[in-house]
Amino acid sequence: MAGHGTEEHPHGADRLCEAGERLYARAVRRGRVPRRDAEPVPCLLELALLHPDPDDMDFLVPTSPQEVIQRLLRGVYDDVSASQRRVGTAVAAVERYAGLGRPPAAVTAEGTAIRVLDGLPRIQAAMDAATEACTTEVLTVQPGGIRREDELTEGLHRALTLRGRGVRMRDLYNHVARHGQGLLTYLELMGDAVEARTLDEVIDRLILFDRTVAFIPANADRTMALELRHPALISYLVTVFECLWRQAIPVSAPIPDTGIEGISHREQSIAALLAEGHQDAVIAERLGISVRTCRAHIARLSETLGAASRTQLGVRIAQAGLDVPQPSRITVPDQESPTVR
């Protein structure tokens, strides 16, 4: 065994040796392989691609390819997140050292075109400064489904400050946010200062002040952000927002029916994403709902369409014409529709 250790198999799960790949493929096809067959390729056990069969310790069963893929992607994501944190720290250090010898007169009101904000305190401070300087308009995209009360309360003081100065606000949410009492309470408190609309899918969080400065997340857990002041970037983000805004439905208006008996608007959206090949977790994230809720909708969709399996569901979705988003079925209400309060 010592002669067949990791020294002769210097690789990870992303690129198996030839012998390991053959044995793993055989294990996947057959469901298990004899333990003795794995002795020449200990890498499969060391990488947890094979593990003992609890019913018969003389055999090894494979880890599913789907789980291996998830493990690899999780590793890549961790590496990227770590790199982003290092970049943020390096940029902050450069800013700090560059400013040591700079006279106060050299500090301009515009600041740098792209600034990395590493940590919630720096993000909060930059947002507060932008709020203080804002005089006309705030555009926001708020993904993630139903807004929690604490999230809305946290930003309420900033919104009330803006309203007091006559600043107008336009907010975009996922459709599912309509079902949260917190959002309705927030809109009632803000009155005519805020207009809110919803879509099936929105982009990641975006906040634009006076079409001069924008904030977007720089990592998945939103502990880093980018402060953007470059005119070309700002113009691009405003265009994206306006495109989404024109497609969105005011909170004051109901979401139109799909026109297909037994299929709700959300189920139509899920069907289109299923047809694109997305997994349940991805669909749930894009629509701002939980995975459990997503699967409940898929089950109802299968029942309505008479599908006994996922494969058959895909066929039924195509037959019903649900395999692509159909915005033409949605009549966008007049842009002057008032916000619900």
C-alpha atoms as a PDB file:
ATOM      1  CA  MET A   1       0.000   0.000   0.000  1.00  0.00           C
ATOM      2  CA  ALA A   2       2.794   2.429   0.833  1.00  0.00           C
ATOM      3  CA  GLY A   3       3.989   2.287  -2.736  1.00  0.00           C
ATOM      4  CA  HIS A   4       0.637   3.460  -4.021  1.00  0.00           C
ATOM      5  CA  GLY A   5       0.201   6.529  -1.793  1.00  0.00           C
ATOM      6  CA  THR A   6      -0.523  10.123  -2.712  1.00  0.00           C
ATOM      7  CA  GLU A   7       3.040  10.645  -3.946  1.00  0.00           C
ATOM      8  CA  GLU A   8       2.073   8.695  -7.070  1.00  0.00           C
ATOM      9  CA  HIS A   9      -1.330  10.386  -7.339  1.00  0.00           C
ATOM     10  CA  PRO A  10      -0.614  14.140  -7.015  1.00  0.00           C
ATOM     11  CA  HIS A  11      -3.974  15.463  -8.082  1.00  0.00           C
ATOM     12  CA  GLY A  12      -7.330  16.676  -6.808  1.00  0.00           C
ATOM     13  CA  ALA A  13     -10.906  15.622  -7.532  1.00  0.00           C
ATOM     14  CA  ASP A  14     -11.000  17.981 -10.510  1.00  0.00           C
ATOM     15  CA  ARG A  15      -8.491  15.885 -12.469  1.00  0.00           C
ATOM     16  CA  LEU A  16      -8.214  12.207 -11.549  1.00  0.00           C
ATOM     17  CA  CYS A  17      -5.418   9.908 -12.600  1.00  0.00           C
ATOM     18  CA  GLU A  18      -6.306   7.474 -15.380  1.00  0.00           C
ATOM     19  CA  ALA A  19      -6.656   4.474 -13.053  1.00  0.00           C
ATOM     20  CA  GLY A  20      -8.740   6.458 -10.574  1.00  0.00           C
ATOM     21  CA  GLU A  21     -11.041   7.766 -13.282  1.00  0.00           C
ATOM     22  CA  ARG A  22     -11.677   4.244 -14.611  1.00  0.00           C
ATOM     23  CA  LEU A  23     -12.450   2.804 -11.177  1.00  0.00           C
ATOM     24  CA  TYR A  24     -14.666   5.738 -10.139  1.00  0.00           C
ATOM     25  CA  ALA A  25     -16.630   5.488 -13.405  1.00  0.00           C
ATOM     26  CA  ARG A  26     -17.125   1.767 -12.817  1.00  0.00           C
ATOM     27  CA  ALA A  27     -18.296   2.422  -9.258  1.00  0.00           C
ATOM     28  CA  VAL A  28     -20.840   5.005 -10.475  1.00  0.00           C
ATOM     29  CA  ARG A  29     -22.183   2.619 -13.121  1.00  0.00           C
ATOM     30  CA  ARG A  30     -22.401  -0.432 -10.830  1.00  0.00           C
ATOM     31  CA  GLY A  31     -23.224   1.265  -7.553  1.00  0.00           C
ATOM     32  CA  ARG A  32     -20.177  -0.144  -5.718  1.00  0.00           C
ATOM     33  CA  VAL A  33     -16.799  -1.851  -6.234  1.00  0.00           C
ATOM     34  CA  PRO A  34     -14.759  -4.333  -4.152  1.00  0.00           C
ATOM     35  CA  ARG A  35     -12.471  -2.637  -1.647  1.00  0.00           C
ATOM     36  CA  ARG A  36      -9.453  -4.578  -2.980  1.00  0.00           C
ATOM     37  CA  ASP A  37      -9.909  -2.948  -6.403  1.00  0.00           C
ATOM     38  CA  ALA A  38      -9.233   0.448  -4.830  1.00  0.00           C
ATOM     39  CA  GLU A  39      -5.902  -0.497  -3.269  1.00  0.00           C
ATOM     40  CA  PRO A  40      -3.858   0.634  -6.317  1.00  0.00           C
ATOM     41  CA  VAL A  41      -5.700   3.997  -6.341  1.00  0.00           C
ATOM     42  CA  PRO A  42      -5.909   5.242  -2.728  1.00  0.00           C
ATOM     43  CA  CYS A  43      -6.562   8.711  -4.090  1.00  0.00           C
ATOM     44  CA  LEU A  44     -10.252   7.848  -4.469  1.00  0.00           C
ATOM     45  CA  LEU A  45     -10.603   7.206  -0.731  1.00  0.00           C
ATOM     46  CA  GLU A  46      -8.389  10.154   0.224  1.00  0.00           C
ATOM     47  CA  LEU A  47     -10.510  12.489  -1.942  1.00  0.00           C
ATOM     48  CA  ALA A  48     -13.728  10.956  -0.516  1.00  0.00           C
ATOM     49  CA  LEU A  49     -14.853   9.871  -3.965  1.00  0.00           C
ATOM     50  CA  LEU A  50     -15.308   6.354  -2.578  1.00  0.00           C
ATOM     51  CA  HIS A  51     -16.364   5.389   0.940  1.00  0.00           C
ATOM     52  CA  PRO A  52     -17.188   2.110   2.736  1.00  0.00           C
ATOM     53  CA  ASP A  53     -20.518   0.438   2.077  1.00  0.00           C
ATOM     54  CA  PRO A  54     -22.253   0.356   5.495  1.00  0.00           C
ATOM     55  CA  ASP A  55     -23.959  -2.904   4.505  1.00  0.00           C
ATOM     56  CA  ASP A  56     -20.779  -4.691   3.437  1.00  0.00           C
ATOM     57  CA  MET A  57     -17.382  -3.354   4.496  1.00  0.00           C
ATOM     58  CA  ASP A  58     -15.648  -5.360   1.749  1.00  0.00           C
ATOM     59  CA  PHE A  59     -17.138  -2.967  -0.814  1.00  0.00           C
ATOM     60  CA  LEU A  60     -16.887   0.750  -1.497  1.00  0.00           C
ATOM     61  CA  VAL A  61     -19.699   2.979  -2.816  1.00  0.00           C
ATOM     62  CA  PRO A  62     -19.143   6.175  -4.860  1.00  0.00           C
ATOM     63  CA  THR A  63     -19.938   9.725  -3.914  1.00  0.00           C
ATOM     64  CA  SER A  64     -22.459  10.981  -6.477  1.00  0.00           C
ATOM     65  CA  PRO A  65     -21.030  13.070  -9.345  1.00  0.00           C
ATOM     66  CA  GLN A  66     -23.467  15.870  -8.425  1.00  0.00           C
ATOM     67  CA  GLU A  67     -22.028  16.049  -4.905  1.00  0.00           C
ATOM     68  CA  VAL A  68     -18.493  16.066  -6.294  1.00  0.00           C
ATOM     69  CA  ILE A  69     -19.410  18.978  -8.578  1.00  0.00           C
ATOM     70  CA  GLN A  70     -20.904  20.912  -5.668  1.00  0.00           C
ATOM     71  CA  ARG A  71     -17.771  20.278  -3.604  1.00  0.00           C
ATOM     72  CA  LEU A  72     -15.512  21.525  -6.417  1.00  0.00           C
ATOM     73  CA  LEU A  73     -17.633  24.623  -7.002  1.00  0.00           C
ATOM     74  CA  ARG A  74     -17.700  25.348  -3.273  1.00  0.00           C
ATOM     75  CA  GLY A  75     -13.911  25.213  -3.239  1.00  0.00           C
ATOM     76  CA  VAL A  76     -13.679  27.571  -6.207  1.00  0.00           C
ATOM     77  CA  TYR A  77     -16.143  29.962  -4.554  1.00  0.00           C
ATOM     78  CA  ASP A  78     -14.094  29.951  -1.316  1.00  0.00           C
ATOM     79  CA  ASP A  79     -10.926  30.695  -3.283  1.00  0.00           C
ATOM     80  CA  VAL A  80     -12.600  33.564  -5.136  1.00  0.00           C
ATOM     81  CA  SER A  81     -14.024  35.008  -1.903  1.00  0.00           C
ATOM     82  CA  ALA A  82     -10.607  34.849  -0.258  1.00  0.00           C
ATOM     83  CA  SER A  83      -9.061  36.590  -3.288  1.00  0.00           C
ATOM     84  CA  GLN A  84     -11.710  39.314  -3.165  1.00  0.00           C
ATOM     85  CA  ARG A  85     -10.982  39.918   0.512  1.00  0.00           C
ATOM     86  CA  ARG A  86      -7.247  40.172  -0.210  1.00  0.00           C
ATOM     87  CA  VAL A  87      -7.897  42.601  -3.065  1.00  0.00           C
ATOM     88  CA  GLY A  88     -10.101  44.734  -0.823  1.00  0.00           C
ATOM     89  CA  THR A  89      -7.450  44.797   1.909  1.00  0.00           C
ATOM     90  CA  ALA A  90      -4.724  45.687  -0.604  1.00  0.00           C
ATOM     91  CA  VAL A  91      -6.798  48.503  -2.152  1.00  0.00           C
ATOM     92  CA  ALA A  92      -7.584  49.902   1.303  1.00  0.00           C
ATOM     93  CA  ALA A  93      -3.880  49.824   2.163  1.00  0.00           C
ATOM     94  CA  VAL A  94      -2.980  51.621  -1.080  1.00  0.00           C
ATOM     95  CA  GLU A  95      -5.584  54.281  -0.368  1.00  0.00           C
ATOM     96  CA  ARG A  96      -4.275  54.698   3.172  1.00  0.00           C
ATOM     97  CA  TYR A  97      -0.589  54.955   2.212  1.00  0.00           C
ATOM     98  CA  ALA A  98      -1.285  57.147  -0.820  1.00  0.00           C
ATOM     99  CA  GLY A  99      -3.114  59.590   1.397  1.00  0.00           C
ATOM    100  CA  LEU A 100      -0.306  59.957   3.947  1.00  0.00           C
ATOM    101  CA  GLY A 101       1.634  62.449   1.856  1.00  0.00           C
ATOM    102  CA  ARG A 102      -1.290  64.102   0.156  1.00  0.00           C
ATOM    103  CA  PRO A 103      -2.139  67.677   1.187  1.00  0.00           C
ATOM    104  CA  PRO A 104      -5.776  68.250   2.244  1.00  0.00           C
ATOM    105  CA  ALA A 105      -6.411  70.468  -0.810  1.00  0.00           C
ATOM    106  CA  ALA A 106      -5.847  67.467  -3.093  1.00  0.00           C
ATOM    107  CA  VAL A 107      -8.885  65.627  -1.746  1.00  0.00           C
ATOM    108  CA  THR A 108     -11.716  66.224  -4.245  1.00  0.00           C
ATOM    109  CA  ALA A 109     -15.447  65.981  -3.670  1.00  0.00           C
ATOM    110  CA  GLU A 110     -15.784  63.306  -6.338  1.00  0.00           C
ATOM    111  CA  GLY A 111     -13.294  60.885  -4.787  1.00  0.00           C
ATOM    112  CA  THR A 112     -11.950  57.948  -6.762  1.00  0.00           C
ATOM    113  CA  ALA A 113     -13.847  56.457  -9.703  1.00  0.00           C
ATOM    114  CA  ILE A 114     -13.990  52.963  -8.131  1.00  0.00           C
ATOM    115  CA  ARG A 115     -13.437  52.422  -4.429  1.00  0.00           C
ATOM    116  CA  VAL A 116     -13.499  49.100  -2.572  1.00  0.00           C
ATOM    117  CA  LEU A 117     -15.245  49.312   0.795  1.00  0.00           C
ATOM    118  CA  ASP A 118     -14.043  46.446   2.992  1.00  0.00           C
ATOM    119  CA  GLY A 119     -16.230  45.861   6.041  1.00  0.00           C
ATOM    120  CA  LEU A 120     -19.694  46.950   7.118  1.00  0.00           C
ATOM    121  CA  PRO A 121     -18.523  50.078   9.026  1.00  0.00           C
ATOM    122  CA  ARG A 122     -16.818  51.486   5.902  1.00  0.00           C
ATOM    123  CA  ILE A 123     -19.847  50.648   3.764  1.00  0.00           C
ATOM    124  CA  GLN A 124     -22.185  52.314   6.261  1.00  0.00           C
ATOM    125  CA  ALA A 125     -20.009  55.423   6.477  1.00  0.00           C
ATOM    126  CA  ALA A 126     -19.854  55.794   2.681  1.00  0.00           C
ATOM    127  CA  MET A 127     -23.618  55.299   2.369  1.00  0.00           C
ATOM    128  CA  ASP A 128     -24.267  57.917   5.060  1.00  0.00           C
ATOM    129  CA  ALA A 129     -21.996  60.386   3.255  1.00  0.00           C
ATOM    130  CA  ALA A 130     -23.805  59.780  -0.057  1.00  0.00           C
ATOM    131  CA  THR A 131     -27.148  60.229   1.691  1.00  0.00           C
ATOM    132  CA  GLU A 132     -26.055  63.565   3.123  1.00  0.00           C
ATOM    133  CA  ALA A 133     -24.932  64.784  -0.304  1.00  0.00           C
ATOM    134  CA  CYS A 134     -28.034  63.555  -2.179  1.00  0.00           C
ATOM    135  CA  THR A 135     -30.488  66.255  -3.265  1.00  0.00           C
ATOM    136  CA  THR A 136     -32.692  64.864  -6.041  1.00  0.00           C
ATOM    137  CA  GLU A 137     -33.160  61.124  -6.579  1.00  0.00           C
ATOM    138  CA  VAL A 138     -32.336  57.651  -5.251  1.00  0.00           C
ATOM    139  CA  LEU A 139     -32.772  54.488  -7.346  1.00  0.00           C
ATOM    140  CA  THR A 140     -32.503  51.090  -5.647  1.00  0.00           C
ATOM    141  CA  VAL A 141     -32.743  47.408  -6.546  1.00  0.00           C
ATOM    142  CA  GLN A 142     -33.535  45.203  -3.560  1.00  0.00           C
ATOM    143  CA  PRO A 143     -33.347  41.454  -4.320  1.00  0.00           C
ATOM    144  CA  GLY A 144     -33.975  38.578  -1.962  1.00  0.00           C
ATOM    145  CA  GLY A 145     -37.716  38.172  -1.559  1.00  0.00           C
ATOM    146  CA  ILE A 146     -39.677  39.274   1.507  1.00  0.00           C
ATOM    147  CA  ARG A 147     -37.855  42.062   3.319  1.00  0.00           C
ATOM    148  CA  ARG A 148     -37.251  41.438   7.009  1.00  0.00           C
ATOM    149  CA  GLU A 149     -38.496  44.019   9.488  1.00  0.00           C
ATOM    150  CA  ASP A 150     -34.982  44.652  10.852  1.00  0.00           C
ATOM    151  CA  GLU A 151     -33.602  45.315   7.338  1.00  0.00           C
ATOM    152  CA  LEU A 152     -36.314  47.859   6.628  1.00  0.00           C
ATOM    153  CA  THR A 153     -35.929  49.513  10.042  1.00  0.00           C
ATOM    154  CA  GLU A 154     -32.161  49.781   9.540  1.00  0.00           C
ATOM    155  CA  GLY A 155     -32.565  51.853   6.362  1.00  0.00           C
ATOM    156  CA  LEU A 156     -35.637  53.793   7.478  1.00  0.00           C
ATOM    157  CA  HIS A 157     -33.724  56.637   9.125  1.00  0.00           C
ATOM    158  CA  ARG A 158     -31.788  57.222   5.901  1.00  0.00           C
ATOM    159  CA  ALA A 159     -34.985  57.151   3.818  1.00  0.00           C
ATOM    160  CA  LEU A 160     -36.764  59.573   6.159  1.00  0.00           C
ATOM    161  CA  THR A 161     -33.793  61.952   5.973  1.00  0.00           C
ATOM    162  CA  LEU A 162     -34.000  61.904   2.185  1.00  0.00           C
ATOM    163  CA  ARG A 163     -37.767  62.429   2.203  1.00  0.00           C
ATOM    164  CA  GLY A 164     -37.322  65.432   4.466  1.00  0.00           C
ATOM    165  CA  ARG A 165     -35.157  67.063   1.788  1.00  0.00           C
ATOM    166  CA  GLY A 166     -37.659  66.340  -0.984  1.00  0.00           C
ATOM    167  CA  VAL A 167     -35.616  63.550  -2.549  1.00  0.00           C
ATOM    168  CA  ARG A 168     -37.651  61.148  -4.715  1.00  0.00           C
ATOM    169  CA  MET A 169     -37.035  57.395  -4.478  1.00  0.00           C
ATOM    170  CA  ARG A 170     -37.784  54.504  -6.806  1.00  0.00           C
ATOM    171  CA  ASP A 171     -37.350  50.923  -5.541  1.00  0.00           C
ATOM    172  CA  LEU A 172     -37.392  47.603  -7.401  1.00  0.00           C
ATOM    173  CA  TYR A 173     -38.176  44.316  -5.613  1.00  0.00           C
ATOM    174  CA  ASN A 174     -38.957  40.693  -6.459  1.00  0.00           C
ATOM    175  CA  HIS A 175     -42.686  39.958  -6.819  1.00  0.00           C
ATOM    176  CA  VAL A 176     -42.572  37.867  -3.638  1.00  0.00           C
ATOM    177  CA  ALA A 177     -41.711  40.985  -1.597  1.00  0.00           C
ATOM    178  CA  ARG A 178     -45.363  42.036  -1.989  1.00  0.00           C
ATOM    179  CA  HIS A 179     -46.308  39.401   0.587  1.00  0.00           C
ATOM    180  CA  GLY A 180     -44.258  40.979   3.385  1.00  0.00           C
ATOM    181  CA  GLN A 181     -46.036  43.326   5.754  1.00  0.00           C
ATOM    182  CA  GLY A 182     -42.751  45.088   6.447  1.00  0.00           C
ATOM    183  CA  LEU A 183     -42.546  46.474   2.915  1.00  0.00           C
ATOM    184  CA  LEU A 184     -46.141  47.696   2.960  1.00  0.00           C
ATOM    185  CA  THR A 185     -45.544  49.406   6.312  1.00  0.00           C
ATOM    186  CA  TYR A 186     -42.375  51.020   4.971  1.00  0.00           C
ATOM    187  CA  LEU A 187     -44.182  52.358   1.898  1.00  0.00           C
ATOM    188  CA  GLU A 188     -46.985  53.712   4.066  1.00  0.00           C
ATOM    189  CA  LEU A 189     -44.485  55.575   6.263  1.00  0.00           C
ATOM    190  CA  MET A 190     -42.651  57.020   3.272  1.00  0.00           C
ATOM    191  CA  GLY A 191     -45.794  58.245   1.475  1.00  0.00           C
ATOM    192  CA  ASP A 192     -45.394  59.838  -1.952  1.00  0.00           C
ATOM    193  CA  ALA A 193     -41.604  60.028  -1.586  1.00  0.00           C
ATOM    194  CA  VAL A 194     -41.222  56.378  -2.672  1.00  0.00           C
ATOM    195  CA  GLU A 195     -42.547  54.518  -5.702  1.00  0.00           C
ATOM    196  CA  ALA A 196     -42.083  50.754  -5.667  1.00  0.00           C
ATOM    197  CA  ARG A 197     -42.376  48.170  -8.444  1.00  0.00           C
ATOM    198  CA  THR A 198     -41.755  44.432  -8.639  1.00  0.00           C
ATOM    199  CA  LEU A 199     -40.432  41.855 -11.115  1.00  0.00           C
ATOM    200  CA  ASP A 200     -39.972  38.086 -11.174  1.00  0.00           C
ATOM    201  CA  GLU A 201     -36.206  38.583 -11.197  1.00  0.00           C
ATOM    202  CA  VAL A 202     -34.050  41.573 -10.383  1.00  0.00           C
ATOM    203  CA  ILE A 203     -30.295  42.101 -10.500  1.00  0.00           C
ATOM    204  CA  ASP A 204     -28.168  42.110  -7.355  1.00  0.00           C
ATOM    205  CA  ARG A 205     -28.477  44.970  -4.881  1.00  0.00           C
ATOM    206  CA  LEU A 206     -27.887  48.426  -6.351  1.00  0.00           C
ATOM    207  CA  ILE A 207     -28.229  51.903  -4.827  1.00  0.00           C
ATOM    208  CA  LEU A 208     -27.788  55.016  -7.003  1.00  0.00           C
ATOM    209  CA  PHE A 209     -27.656  58.529  -5.549  1.00  0.00           C
ATOM    210  CA  ASP A 210     -28.374  61.496  -7.854  1.00  0.00           C
ATOM    211  CA  ARG A 211     -27.041  59.470 -10.822  1.00  0.00           C
ATOM    212  CA  THR A 212     -23.508  60.346  -9.667  1.00  0.00           C
ATOM    213  CA  VAL A 213     -22.532  57.618  -7.182  1.00  0.00           C
ATOM    214  CA  ALA A 214     -23.583  53.952  -6.958  1.00  0.00           C
ATOM    215  CA  PHE A 215     -23.036  51.119  -4.498  1.00  0.00           C
ATOM    216  CA  ILE A 216     -23.016  47.427  -5.452  1.00  0.00           C
ATOM    217  CA  PRO A 217     -21.953  44.292  -3.495  1.00  0.00           C
ATOM    218  CA  ALA A 218     -18.389  43.051  -4.010  1.00  0.00           C
ATOM    219  CA  ASN A 219     -18.836  39.585  -2.443  1.00  0.00           C
ATOM    220  CA  ALA A 220     -21.584  37.086  -1.710  1.00  0.00           C
ATOM    221  CA  ASP A 221     -22.087  37.898   1.983  1.00  0.00           C
ATOM    222  CA  ARG A 222     -22.105  41.663   1.278  1.00  0.00           C
ATOM    223  CA  THR A 223     -19.317  42.470   3.710  1.00  0.00           C
ATOM    224  CA  MET A 224     -17.549  44.258   0.854  1.00  0.00           C
ATOM    225  CA  ALA A 225     -18.967  46.796  -1.584  1.00  0.00           C
ATOM    226  CA  LEU A 226     -17.861  48.905  -4.529  1.00  0.00           C
ATOM    227  CA  GLU A 227     -18.458  52.647  -4.554  1.00  0.00           C
ATOM    228  CA  LEU A 228     -18.678  53.716  -8.191  1.00  0.00           C
ATOM    229  CA  ARG A 229     -18.334  57.280  -9.474  1.00  0.00           C
ATOM    230  CA  HIS A 230     -17.107  56.790 -13.036  1.00  0.00           C
ATOM    231  CA  PRO A 231     -19.643  58.527 -15.355  1.00  0.00           C
ATOM    232  CA  ALA A 232     -19.683  55.657 -17.872  1.00  0.00           C
ATOM    233  CA  LEU A 233     -20.396  53.067 -15.178  1.00  0.00           C
ATOM    234  CA  ILE A 234     -23.097  55.228 -13.621  1.00  0.00           C
ATOM    235  CA  SER A 235     -24.742  55.805 -17.010  1.00  0.00           C
ATOM    236  CA  TYR A 236     -24.729  52.057 -17.693  1.00  0.00           C
ATOM    237  CA  LEU A 237     -26.292  51.214 -14.322  1.00  0.00           C
ATOM    238  CA  VAL A 238     -28.981  53.881 -14.771  1.00  0.00           C
ATOM    239  CA  THR A 239     -29.841  52.377 -18.172  1.00  0.00           C
ATOM    240  CA  VAL A 240     -30.115  48.895 -16.633  1.00  0.00           C
ATOM    241  CA  PHE A 241     -32.354  50.232 -13.877  1.00  0.00           C
ATOM    242  CA  GLU A 242     -34.635  52.066 -16.312  1.00  0.00           C
ATOM    243  CA  CYS A 243     -34.978  48.953 -18.504  1.00  0.00           C
ATOM    244  CA  LEU A 244     -36.051  46.903 -15.479  1.00  0.00           C
ATOM    245  CA  TRP A 245     -38.326  49.702 -14.264  1.00  0.00           C
ATOM    246  CA  ARG A 246     -40.260  49.778 -17.534  1.00  0.00           C
ATOM    247  CA  GLN A 247     -40.893  46.013 -17.294  1.00  0.00           C
ATOM    248  CA  ALA A 248     -41.835  46.086 -13.602  1.00  0.00           C
ATOM    249  CA  ILE A 249     -45.346  46.246 -12.141  1.00  0.00           C
ATOM    250  CA  PRO A 250     -46.280  48.883  -9.525  1.00  0.00           C
ATOM    251  CA  VAL A 251     -46.972  47.429  -6.102  1.00  0.00           C
ATOM    252  CA  SER A 252     -50.371  49.108  -6.351  1.00  0.00           C
ATOM    253  CA  ALA A 253     -51.330  46.868  -9.292  1.00  0.00           C
ATOM    254  CA  PRO A 254     -52.013  43.114  -9.164  1.00  0.00           C
ATOM    255  CA  ILE A 255     -49.731  40.685 -10.953  1.00  0.00           C
ATOM    256  CA  PRO A 256     -51.598  39.640 -14.122  1.00  0.00           C
ATOM    257  CA  ASP A 257     -52.804  36.079 -14.649  1.00  0.00           C
ATOM    258  CA  THR A 258     -50.811  33.855 -16.971  1.00  0.00           C
ATOM    259  CA  GLY A 259     -53.801  33.057 -19.148  1.00  0.00           C
ATOM    260  CA  ILE A 260     -53.165  29.335 -18.614  1.00  0.00           C
ATOM    261  CA  GLU A 261     -55.691  27.600 -16.383  1.00  0.00           C
ATOM    262  CA  GLY A 262     -54.196  26.262 -13.162  1.00  0.00           C
ATOM    263  CA  ILE A 263     -50.770  27.893 -13.688  1.00  0.00           C
ATOM    264  CA  SER A 264     -49.875  30.859 -11.488  1.00  0.00           C
ATOM    265  CA  HIS A 265     -47.527  33.643 -12.542  1.00  0.00           C
ATOM    266  CA  ARG A 266     -44.806  32.315 -10.226  1.00  0.00           C
ATOM    267  CA  GLU A 267     -45.199  28.780 -11.551  1.00  0.00           C
ATOM    268  CA  GLN A 268     -44.824  30.130 -15.084  1.00  0.00           C
ATOM    269  CA  SER A 269     -41.551  31.800 -14.048  1.00  0.00           C
ATOM    270  CA  ILE A 270     -40.334  28.607 -12.389  1.00  0.00           C
ATOM    271  CA  ALA A 271     -41.258  26.598 -15.490  1.00  0.00           C
ATOM    272  CA  ALA A 272     -39.181  28.893 -17.720  1.00  0.00           C
ATOM    273  CA  LEU A 273     -36.159  28.564 -15.420  1.00  0.00           C
ATOM    274  CA  LEU A 274     -36.581  24.789 -15.221  1.00  0.00           C
ATOM    275  CA  ALA A 275     -36.585  24.685 -19.014  1.00  0.00           C
ATOM    276  CA  GLU A 276     -33.253  26.523 -18.980  1.00  0.00           C
ATOM    277  CA  GLY A 277     -31.818  23.694 -16.875  1.00  0.00           C
ATOM    278  CA  HIS A 278     -31.470  25.479 -13.529  1.00  0.00           C
ATOM    279  CA  GLN A 279     -31.478  23.562 -10.235  1.00  0.00           C
ATOM    280  CA  ASP A 280     -34.057  24.237  -7.510  1.00  0.00           C
ATOM    281  CA  ALA A 281     -31.657  26.288  -5.364  1.00  0.00           C
ATOM    282  CA  VAL A 282     -30.730  28.583  -8.256  1.00  0.00           C
ATOM    283  CA  ILE A 283     -34.381  29.110  -9.216  1.00  0.00           C
ATOM    284  CA  ALA A 284     -35.287  29.908  -5.605  1.00  0.00           C
ATOM    285  CA  GLU A 285     -32.484  32.469  -5.315  1.00  0.00           C
ATOM    286  CA  ARG A 286     -33.371  34.190  -8.582  1.00  0.00           C
ATOM    287  CA  LEU A 287     -37.056  34.491  -7.658  1.00  0.00           C
ATOM    288  CA  GLY A 288     -36.424  35.449  -4.032  1.00  0.00           C
ATOM    289  CA  ILE A 289     -38.171  32.422  -2.500  1.00  0.00           C
ATOM    290  CA  SER A 290     -37.027  29.529  -0.335  1.00  0.00           C
ATOM    291  CA  VAL A 291     -35.968  26.216  -1.857  1.00  0.00           C
ATOM    292  CA  ARG A 292     -38.837  24.555   0.010  1.00  0.00           C
ATOM    293  CA  THR A 293     -41.383  26.934  -1.517  1.00  0.00           C
ATOM    294  CA  CYS A 294     -39.817  26.479  -4.935  1.00  0.00           C
ATOM    295  CA  ARG A 295     -40.165  22.698  -4.706  1.00  0.00           C
ATOM    296  CA  ALA A 296     -43.781  23.009  -3.584  1.00  0.00           C
ATOM    297  CA  HIS A 297     -44.516  25.058  -6.708  1.00  0.00           C
ATOM    298  CA  ILE A 298     -42.712  22.510  -8.880  1.00  0.00           C
ATOM    299  CA  ALA A 299     -44.836  19.739  -7.340  1.00  0.00           C
ATOM    300  CA  ARG A 300     -48.045  21.678  -8.114  1.00  0.00           C
ATOM    301  CA  LEU A 301     -46.761  22.405 -11.606  1.00  0.00           C
ATOM    302  CA  SER A 302     -46.120  18.689 -12.163  1.00  0.00           C
ATOM    303  CA  GLU A 303     -49.595  17.817 -10.912  1.00  0.00           C
ATOM    304  CA  THR A 304     -51.280  20.437 -13.102  1.00  0.00           C
ATOM    305  CA  LEU A 305     -49.381  19.356 -16.206  1.00  0.00           C
ATOM    306  CA  GLY A 306     -49.735  15.654 -15.439  1.00  0.00           C
ATOM    307  CA  ALA A 307     -45.988  14.978 -15.247  1.00  0.00           C
ATOM    308  CA  ALA A 308     -44.769  11.927 -13.324  1.00  0.00           C
ATOM    309  CA  SER A 309     -41.048  12.832 -13.438  1.00  0.00           C
ATOM    310  CA  ARG A 310     -38.732  15.804 -13.945  1.00  0.00           C
ATOM    311  CA  THR A 311     -37.966  14.637 -17.477  1.00  0.00           C
ATOM    312  CA  GLN A 312     -41.651  14.398 -18.299  1.00  0.00           C
ATOM    313  CA  LEU A 313     -42.225  17.782 -16.668  1.00  0.00           C
ATOM    314  CA  GLY A 314     -39.731  19.342 -19.077  1.00  0.00           C
ATOM    315  CA  VAL A 315     -41.665  17.900 -22.010  1.00  0.00           C
ATOM    316  CA  ARG A 316     -44.996  19.122 -20.594  1.00  0.00           C
ATOM    317  CA  ILE A 317     -43.555  22.601 -20.017  1.00  0.00           C
ATOM    318  CA  ALA A 318     -42.505  22.816 -23.664  1.00  0.00           C
ATOM    319  CA  GLN A 319     -45.870  21.526 -24.865  1.00  0.00           C
ATOM    320  CA  ALA A 320     -47.681  24.156 -22.785  1.00  0.00           C
ATOM    321  CA  GLY A 321     -45.467  26.926 -24.128  1.00  0.00           C
ATOM    322  CA  LEU A 322     -43.995  27.665 -20.691  1.00  0.00           C
ATOM    323  CA  ASP A 323     -40.385  26.983 -21.659  1.00  0.00           C
ATOM    324  CA  VAL A 324     -39.544  30.634 -22.294  1.00  0.00           C
ATOM    325  CA  PRO A 325     -40.493  33.814 -20.384  1.00  0.00           C
ATOM    326  CA  GLN A 326     -43.457  35.501 -22.032  1.00  0.00           C
ATOM    327  CA  PRO A 327     -43.481  39.191 -21.074  1.00  0.00           C
ATOM    328  CA  SER A 328     -46.120  39.873 -23.733  1.00  0.00           C
ATOM    329  CA  ARG A 329     -48.661  38.307 -21.375  1.00  0.00           C
ATOM    330  CA  ILE A 330     -47.971  41.034 -18.830  1.00  0.00           C
ATOM    331  CA  THR A 331     -49.632  44.390 -19.296  1.00  0.00           C
ATOM    332  CA  VAL A 332     -47.521  46.964 -17.494  1.00  0.00           C
ATOM    333  CA  PRO A 333     -49.789  49.489 -15.749  1.00  0.00           C
ATOM    334  CA  ASP A 334     -49.474  53.176 -16.434  1.00  0.00           C
ATOM    335  CA  GLN A 335     -46.249  54.598 -15.054  1.00  0.00           C
ATOM    336  CA  GLU A 336     -48.157  57.153 -13.035  1.00  0.00           C
ATOM    337  CA  SER A 337     -49.879  54.472 -10.940  1.00  0.00           C
ATOM    338  CA  PRO A 338     -49.628  55.466  -7.268  1.00  0.00           C
ATOM    339  CA  THR A 339     -47.677  53.414  -4.775  1.00  0.00           C
ATOM    340  CA  VAL A 340     -49.693  51.372  -2.287  1.00  0.00           C
ATOM    341  CA  ARG A 341     -49.844  52.950   1.140  1.00  0.00           C
END
